[in-house]
Amino acid sequence: MRIITVSREFGSGGRELGSRLAAALGWDYYDKEIIEALAAEHGMDEDDVREVLNNHGWSHIQLTYRSSFSHMMFHPGSHLPLLLRQKEIIREIADSGHDCVIVGRDADVILHDFDPFRIFVCADMEARLARTMAYELRKPEGERLSEKEIRKNIRRIDRARVRTREVLTGKSGSDHSTFDLTINASGKDLKKLAGALAQFSEYWFTDRKEA
């Protein structure tokens, strides 16, 4: 079984790259499927689940708790039941034994003992802004965010993701040394990049097996 985890900055193109990578490899792909499973189990709207997990899940938890989940469960206003179930689902995906690509959800931390190939995708702010604005243009005109609102949203989500990693790992959320490969996707053709990354991924797992 081979697992690739793709962590990313918001708007960097990491989700699309992960999807294209899974397609190029012919592997299972997980992203929104995890949200769908959680929403169905808890009788919640998928957007509400996404909001909790992406932005607010860990914001109220003191770093001194680290990974002491038993204490977190009783923290006022805690979303830990939802967060812990997400962790269980990710473990169940890994336990299924199928080669897969998992985007986000700090799967690289949760599946550390599965020794996944851990990728981090970043991009400069202007590239992230352009990608996010292109997405906004698909919405009805009255529902689109302004450039100022998009910039604010990018920074807010980045802070939340850094906070989550700090709680889960006990390390600085800006420390990327735990990743095996960091990719700056600014200005890149993600389809071509996914093809090259698929070839490198095959080498990565073959080399590790031989070692």
C-alpha atoms as a PDB file:
ATOM      1  CA  MET A   1       0.000   0.000   0.000  1.00  0.00           C
ATOM      2  CA  ARG A   2       1.244   3.471  -0.928  1.00  0.00           C
ATOM      3  CA  ILE A   3      -0.166   6.729   0.431  1.00  0.00           C
ATOM      4  CA  ILE A   4       0.537  10.274  -0.724  1.00  0.00           C
ATOM      5  CA  THR A   5      -0.636  13.179   1.409  1.00  0.00           C
ATOM      6  CA  VAL A   6      -0.939  16.656  -0.072  1.00  0.00           C
ATOM      7  CA  SER A   7      -0.925  19.595   2.332  1.00  0.00           C
ATOM      8  CA  ARG A   8      -1.250  23.055   0.855  1.00  0.00           C
ATOM      9  CA  GLU A   9      -1.618  26.766   1.266  1.00  0.00           C
ATOM     10  CA  PHE A  10      -5.103  28.017   0.493  1.00  0.00           C
ATOM     11  CA  GLY A  11      -5.398  28.943  -3.198  1.00  0.00           C
ATOM     12  CA  SER A  12      -2.083  27.334  -4.151  1.00  0.00           C
ATOM     13  CA  GLY A  13      -3.648  24.720  -6.425  1.00  0.00           C
ATOM     14  CA  GLY A  14      -2.813  21.853  -4.089  1.00  0.00           C
ATOM     15  CA  ARG A  15      -6.276  20.315  -4.330  1.00  0.00           C
ATOM     16  CA  GLU A  16      -6.234  20.272  -8.138  1.00  0.00           C
ATOM     17  CA  LEU A  17      -2.683  18.951  -8.172  1.00  0.00           C
ATOM     18  CA  GLY A  18      -3.634  16.156  -5.779  1.00  0.00           C
ATOM     19  CA  SER A  19      -6.627  15.202  -7.912  1.00  0.00           C
ATOM     20  CA  ARG A  20      -4.584  15.186 -11.104  1.00  0.00           C
ATOM     21  CA  LEU A  21      -1.816  13.216  -9.392  1.00  0.00           C
ATOM     22  CA  ALA A  22      -4.249  10.515  -8.276  1.00  0.00           C
ATOM     23  CA  ALA A  23      -5.664  10.306 -11.811  1.00  0.00           C
ATOM     24  CA  ALA A  24      -2.188  10.047 -13.323  1.00  0.00           C
ATOM     25  CA  LEU A  25      -1.279   7.235 -10.933  1.00  0.00           C
ATOM     26  CA  GLY A  26      -4.665   5.505 -11.149  1.00  0.00           C
ATOM     27  CA  TRP A  27      -5.004   5.652  -7.357  1.00  0.00           C
ATOM     28  CA  ASP A  28      -7.959   6.388  -5.079  1.00  0.00           C
ATOM     29  CA  TYR A  29      -8.454  10.053  -4.258  1.00  0.00           C
ATOM     30  CA  TYR A  30      -9.895  11.546  -1.058  1.00  0.00           C
ATOM     31  CA  ASP A  31     -10.771  15.131  -0.295  1.00  0.00           C
ATOM     32  CA  LYS A  32     -14.410  16.216  -0.187  1.00  0.00           C
ATOM     33  CA  GLU A  33     -15.372  12.568   0.275  1.00  0.00           C
ATOM     34  CA  ILE A  34     -14.218  12.845   3.898  1.00  0.00           C
ATOM     35  CA  ILE A  35     -16.434  15.886   4.422  1.00  0.00           C
ATOM     36  CA  GLU A  36     -19.380  14.073   2.846  1.00  0.00           C
ATOM     37  CA  ALA A  37     -18.934  11.094   5.169  1.00  0.00           C
ATOM     38  CA  LEU A  38     -18.754  13.299   8.269  1.00  0.00           C
ATOM     39  CA  ALA A  39     -21.792  15.330   7.237  1.00  0.00           C
ATOM     40  CA  ALA A  40     -23.843  12.188   6.641  1.00  0.00           C
ATOM     41  CA  GLU A  41     -22.862  10.629   9.973  1.00  0.00           C
ATOM     42  CA  HIS A  42     -23.567  13.756  12.018  1.00  0.00           C
ATOM     43  CA  GLY A  43     -26.647  14.950  10.119  1.00  0.00           C
ATOM     44  CA  MET A  44     -24.918  18.221   9.259  1.00  0.00           C
ATOM     45  CA  ASP A  45     -24.671  20.356   6.147  1.00  0.00           C
ATOM     46  CA  GLU A  46     -21.420  19.735   4.264  1.00  0.00           C
ATOM     47  CA  ASP A  47     -20.582  23.460   4.229  1.00  0.00           C
ATOM     48  CA  ASP A  48     -20.979  23.609   8.021  1.00  0.00           C
ATOM     49  CA  VAL A  49     -18.666  20.622   8.488  1.00  0.00           C
ATOM     50  CA  ARG A  50     -16.125  22.174   6.143  1.00  0.00           C
ATOM     51  CA  GLU A  51     -16.279  25.461   8.039  1.00  0.00           C
ATOM     52  CA  VAL A  52     -15.641  23.763  11.377  1.00  0.00           C
ATOM     53  CA  LEU A  53     -12.756  21.640  10.132  1.00  0.00           C
ATOM     54  CA  ASN A  54     -11.097  24.239   7.922  1.00  0.00           C
ATOM     55  CA  ASN A  55     -11.350  27.294  10.098  1.00  0.00           C
ATOM     56  CA  HIS A  56     -12.473  26.893  13.679  1.00  0.00           C
ATOM     57  CA  GLY A  57     -11.845  23.384  14.848  1.00  0.00           C
ATOM     58  CA  TRP A  58      -8.765  24.027  16.956  1.00  0.00           C
ATOM     59  CA  SER A  59      -8.900  27.805  17.437  1.00  0.00           C
ATOM     60  CA  HIS A  60     -10.156  27.606  21.032  1.00  0.00           C
ATOM     61  CA  ILE A  61      -7.696  24.956  22.249  1.00  0.00           C
ATOM     62  CA  GLN A  62      -4.611  25.899  24.243  1.00  0.00           C
ATOM     63  CA  LEU A  63      -1.333  24.617  22.824  1.00  0.00           C
ATOM     64  CA  THR A  64      -0.437  23.164  26.202  1.00  0.00           C
ATOM     65  CA  TYR A  65      -3.025  20.466  25.516  1.00  0.00           C
ATOM     66  CA  ARG A  66      -0.995  19.292  22.487  1.00  0.00           C
ATOM     67  CA  SER A  67      -2.497  15.929  21.582  1.00  0.00           C
ATOM     68  CA  SER A  68      -4.170  15.201  24.917  1.00  0.00           C
ATOM     69  CA  PHE A  69      -7.493  14.514  23.245  1.00  0.00           C
ATOM     70  CA  SER A  70      -9.152  13.203  26.398  1.00  0.00           C
ATOM     71  CA  HIS A  71      -8.830  16.664  27.969  1.00  0.00           C
ATOM     72  CA  MET A  72      -9.932  18.456  24.803  1.00  0.00           C
ATOM     73  CA  MET A  73     -13.191  16.508  24.664  1.00  0.00           C
ATOM     74  CA  PHE A  74     -14.502  18.436  27.666  1.00  0.00           C
ATOM     75  CA  HIS A  75     -13.281  21.861  26.559  1.00  0.00           C
ATOM     76  CA  PRO A  76     -16.257  24.293  26.309  1.00  0.00           C
ATOM     77  CA  GLY A  77     -17.456  24.678  22.728  1.00  0.00           C
ATOM     78  CA  SER A  78     -15.115  21.979  21.499  1.00  0.00           C
ATOM     79  CA  HIS A  79     -15.569  20.441  18.075  1.00  0.00           C
ATOM     80  CA  LEU A  80     -13.388  17.498  19.078  1.00  0.00           C
ATOM     81  CA  PRO A  81     -15.992  14.764  18.379  1.00  0.00           C
ATOM     82  CA  LEU A  82     -16.108  15.890  14.754  1.00  0.00           C
ATOM     83  CA  LEU A  83     -12.345  16.288  14.524  1.00  0.00           C
ATOM     84  CA  LEU A  84     -11.705  12.903  16.089  1.00  0.00           C
ATOM     85  CA  ARG A  85     -14.167  11.190  13.768  1.00  0.00           C
ATOM     86  CA  GLN A  86     -12.363  12.776  10.832  1.00  0.00           C
ATOM     87  CA  LYS A  87      -9.167  11.248  12.174  1.00  0.00           C
ATOM     88  CA  GLU A  88     -10.835   7.841  12.399  1.00  0.00           C
ATOM     89  CA  ILE A  89     -12.111   8.062   8.817  1.00  0.00           C
ATOM     90  CA  ILE A  90      -8.634   8.908   7.538  1.00  0.00           C
ATOM     91  CA  ARG A  91      -7.236   5.926   9.450  1.00  0.00           C
ATOM     92  CA  GLU A  92      -9.953   3.708   7.990  1.00  0.00           C
ATOM     93  CA  ILE A  93      -8.977   4.846   4.486  1.00  0.00           C
ATOM     94  CA  ALA A  94      -5.369   3.885   5.172  1.00  0.00           C
ATOM     95  CA  ASP A  95      -6.379   0.566   6.743  1.00  0.00           C
ATOM     96  CA  SER A  96      -8.297  -0.360   3.579  1.00  0.00           C
ATOM     97  CA  GLY A  97      -4.948  -1.103   1.966  1.00  0.00           C
ATOM     98  CA  HIS A  98      -5.545   0.750  -1.317  1.00  0.00           C
ATOM     99  CA  ASP A  99      -2.997   3.087  -2.884  1.00  0.00           C
ATOM    100  CA  CYS A 100      -4.380   6.593  -2.458  1.00  0.00           C
ATOM    101  CA  VAL A 101      -3.839  10.338  -2.477  1.00  0.00           C
ATOM    102  CA  ILE A 102      -5.347  12.292   0.431  1.00  0.00           C
ATOM    103  CA  VAL A 103      -5.566  16.088   0.227  1.00  0.00           C
ATOM    104  CA  GLY A 104      -5.487  18.174   3.390  1.00  0.00           C
ATOM    105  CA  ARG A 105      -6.953  17.181   6.778  1.00  0.00           C
ATOM    106  CA  ASP A 106      -3.389  16.937   8.196  1.00  0.00           C
ATOM    107  CA  ALA A 107      -3.361  13.358   6.954  1.00  0.00           C
ATOM    108  CA  ASP A 108       0.436  13.422   6.918  1.00  0.00           C
ATOM    109  CA  VAL A 109       0.391  13.761  10.722  1.00  0.00           C
ATOM    110  CA  ILE A 110      -2.504  11.370  11.337  1.00  0.00           C
ATOM    111  CA  LEU A 111      -0.947   8.669   9.116  1.00  0.00           C
ATOM    112  CA  HIS A 112       2.640   9.157  10.236  1.00  0.00           C
ATOM    113  CA  ASP A 113       3.034   5.467  11.086  1.00  0.00           C
ATOM    114  CA  PHE A 114       1.996   4.527   7.521  1.00  0.00           C
ATOM    115  CA  ASP A 115       5.073   6.385   6.230  1.00  0.00           C
ATOM    116  CA  PRO A 116       3.278   8.330   3.473  1.00  0.00           C
ATOM    117  CA  PHE A 117       4.964  10.434   0.814  1.00  0.00           C
ATOM    118  CA  ARG A 118       4.268  13.877   2.281  1.00  0.00           C
ATOM    119  CA  ILE A 119       3.924  16.750  -0.177  1.00  0.00           C
ATOM    120  CA  PHE A 120       3.397  20.437   0.595  1.00  0.00           C
ATOM    121  CA  VAL A 121       2.146  22.792  -2.119  1.00  0.00           C
ATOM    122  CA  CYS A 122       2.650  26.537  -1.842  1.00  0.00           C
ATOM    123  CA  ALA A 123       2.442  29.549  -4.173  1.00  0.00           C
ATOM    124  CA  ASP A 124       3.061  33.281  -4.012  1.00  0.00           C
ATOM    125  CA  MET A 125       0.206  35.500  -2.902  1.00  0.00           C
ATOM    126  CA  GLU A 126      -0.551  36.880  -6.352  1.00  0.00           C
ATOM    127  CA  ALA A 127      -0.858  33.390  -7.843  1.00  0.00           C
ATOM    128  CA  ARG A 128      -3.108  32.315  -4.973  1.00  0.00           C
ATOM    129  CA  LEU A 129      -5.209  35.440  -5.349  1.00  0.00           C
ATOM    130  CA  ALA A 130      -5.598  34.896  -9.110  1.00  0.00           C
ATOM    131  CA  ARG A 131      -6.655  31.275  -8.643  1.00  0.00           C
ATOM    132  CA  THR A 132      -9.174  32.150  -5.933  1.00  0.00           C
ATOM    133  CA  MET A 133     -10.597  35.055  -7.918  1.00  0.00           C
ATOM    134  CA  ALA A 134     -11.070  32.755 -10.932  1.00  0.00           C
ATOM    135  CA  TYR A 135     -13.117  30.477  -8.679  1.00  0.00           C
ATOM    136  CA  GLU A 136     -15.198  33.422  -7.449  1.00  0.00           C
ATOM    137  CA  LEU A 137     -16.082  34.354 -11.034  1.00  0.00           C
ATOM    138  CA  ARG A 138     -18.003  31.087 -11.321  1.00  0.00           C
ATOM    139  CA  LYS A 139     -20.442  32.345  -8.681  1.00  0.00           C
ATOM    140  CA  PRO A 140     -23.429  34.622  -9.360  1.00  0.00           C
ATOM    141  CA  GLU A 141     -22.282  38.238  -9.396  1.00  0.00           C
ATOM    142  CA  GLY A 142     -23.978  39.147  -6.146  1.00  0.00           C
ATOM    143  CA  GLU A 143     -22.261  36.307  -4.246  1.00  0.00           C
ATOM    144  CA  ARG A 144     -18.679  37.005  -5.284  1.00  0.00           C
ATOM    145  CA  LEU A 145     -16.050  38.145  -2.794  1.00  0.00           C
ATOM    146  CA  SER A 146     -14.033  41.257  -3.502  1.00  0.00           C
ATOM    147  CA  GLU A 147     -10.252  41.120  -3.905  1.00  0.00           C
ATOM    148  CA  LYS A 148      -9.872  42.609  -0.430  1.00  0.00           C
ATOM    149  CA  GLU A 149     -12.172  39.977   1.064  1.00  0.00           C
ATOM    150  CA  ILE A 150     -10.313  37.192  -0.751  1.00  0.00           C
ATOM    151  CA  ARG A 151      -6.948  38.368   0.596  1.00  0.00           C
ATOM    152  CA  LYS A 152      -8.405  38.472   4.101  1.00  0.00           C
ATOM    153  CA  ASN A 153      -9.885  35.005   3.652  1.00  0.00           C
ATOM    154  CA  ILE A 154      -6.573  33.551   2.458  1.00  0.00           C
ATOM    155  CA  ARG A 155      -4.734  34.903   5.499  1.00  0.00           C
ATOM    156  CA  ARG A 156      -7.466  33.711   7.877  1.00  0.00           C
ATOM    157  CA  ILE A 157      -7.452  30.155   6.530  1.00  0.00           C
ATOM    158  CA  ASP A 158      -3.651  30.070   6.523  1.00  0.00           C
ATOM    159  CA  ARG A 159      -3.609  31.039  10.204  1.00  0.00           C
ATOM    160  CA  ALA A 160      -6.151  28.345  11.033  1.00  0.00           C
ATOM    161  CA  ARG A 161      -4.138  25.656   9.236  1.00  0.00           C
ATOM    162  CA  VAL A 162      -0.927  26.719  10.977  1.00  0.00           C
ATOM    163  CA  ARG A 163      -2.737  26.615  14.328  1.00  0.00           C
ATOM    164  CA  THR A 164      -4.016  23.105  13.642  1.00  0.00           C
ATOM    165  CA  ARG A 165      -0.539  21.780  12.885  1.00  0.00           C
ATOM    166  CA  GLU A 166       0.817  23.383  16.041  1.00  0.00           C
ATOM    167  CA  VAL A 167      -1.786  21.597  18.150  1.00  0.00           C
ATOM    168  CA  LEU A 168      -1.345  18.260  16.390  1.00  0.00           C
ATOM    169  CA  THR A 169       2.454  18.226  16.267  1.00  0.00           C
ATOM    170  CA  GLY A 170       3.578  20.497  19.107  1.00  0.00           C
ATOM    171  CA  LYS A 171       5.834  22.244  16.571  1.00  0.00           C
ATOM    172  CA  SER A 172       5.671  25.552  14.753  1.00  0.00           C
ATOM    173  CA  GLY A 173       3.020  25.427  12.061  1.00  0.00           C
ATOM    174  CA  SER A 174       5.405  27.180   9.685  1.00  0.00           C
ATOM    175  CA  ASP A 175       8.004  24.400  10.063  1.00  0.00           C
ATOM    176  CA  HIS A 176       7.864  22.448   6.800  1.00  0.00           C
ATOM    177  CA  SER A 177      10.757  20.131   7.602  1.00  0.00           C
ATOM    178  CA  THR A 178       8.309  17.279   8.198  1.00  0.00           C
ATOM    179  CA  PHE A 179       7.379  17.228   4.497  1.00  0.00           C
ATOM    180  CA  ASP A 180       9.268  15.108   1.988  1.00  0.00           C
ATOM    181  CA  LEU A 181       8.735  17.473  -0.934  1.00  0.00           C
ATOM    182  CA  THR A 182       7.702  21.134  -1.151  1.00  0.00           C
ATOM    183  CA  ILE A 183       6.387  22.421  -4.485  1.00  0.00           C
ATOM    184  CA  ASN A 184       5.950  26.067  -5.441  1.00  0.00           C
ATOM    185  CA  ALA A 185       3.078  25.891  -7.934  1.00  0.00           C
ATOM    186  CA  SER A 186       3.169  29.571  -8.913  1.00  0.00           C
ATOM    187  CA  GLY A 187       2.686  29.882 -12.663  1.00  0.00           C
ATOM    188  CA  LYS A 188       2.923  26.123 -13.210  1.00  0.00           C
ATOM    189  CA  ASP A 189       0.797  24.004 -15.551  1.00  0.00           C
ATOM    190  CA  LEU A 190      -0.720  21.677 -12.958  1.00  0.00           C
ATOM    191  CA  LYS A 191      -1.534  18.976 -15.489  1.00  0.00           C
ATOM    192  CA  LYS A 192       2.105  18.738 -16.588  1.00  0.00           C
ATOM    193  CA  LEU A 193       3.305  19.092 -13.005  1.00  0.00           C
ATOM    194  CA  ALA A 194       1.044  16.227 -11.904  1.00  0.00           C
ATOM    195  CA  GLY A 195       2.499  13.991 -14.621  1.00  0.00           C
ATOM    196  CA  ALA A 196       6.050  14.730 -13.542  1.00  0.00           C
ATOM    197  CA  LEU A 197       5.106  14.268  -9.894  1.00  0.00           C
ATOM    198  CA  ALA A 198       3.485  10.904 -10.678  1.00  0.00           C
ATOM    199  CA  GLN A 199       6.764   9.692 -12.177  1.00  0.00           C
ATOM    200  CA  PHE A 200       8.715  10.958  -9.185  1.00  0.00           C
ATOM    201  CA  SER A 201       6.230   9.340  -6.791  1.00  0.00           C
ATOM    202  CA  GLU A 202       6.745   5.947  -8.424  1.00  0.00           C
ATOM    203  CA  TYR A 203      10.490   6.405  -7.995  1.00  0.00           C
ATOM    204  CA  TRP A 204      10.004   7.505  -4.377  1.00  0.00           C
ATOM    205  CA  PHE A 205       8.175   4.352  -3.348  1.00  0.00           C
ATOM    206  CA  THR A 206      10.404   2.024  -5.411  1.00  0.00           C
ATOM    207  CA  ASP A 207      13.554   3.524  -3.928  1.00  0.00           C
ATOM    208  CA  ARG A 208      12.182   3.270  -0.396  1.00  0.00           C
ATOM    209  CA  LYS A 209      11.224  -0.372  -0.926  1.00  0.00           C
ATOM    210  CA  GLU A 210      14.681  -1.254  -2.236  1.00  0.00           C
ATOM    211  CA  ALA A 211      16.345   0.585   0.639  1.00  0.00           C
END
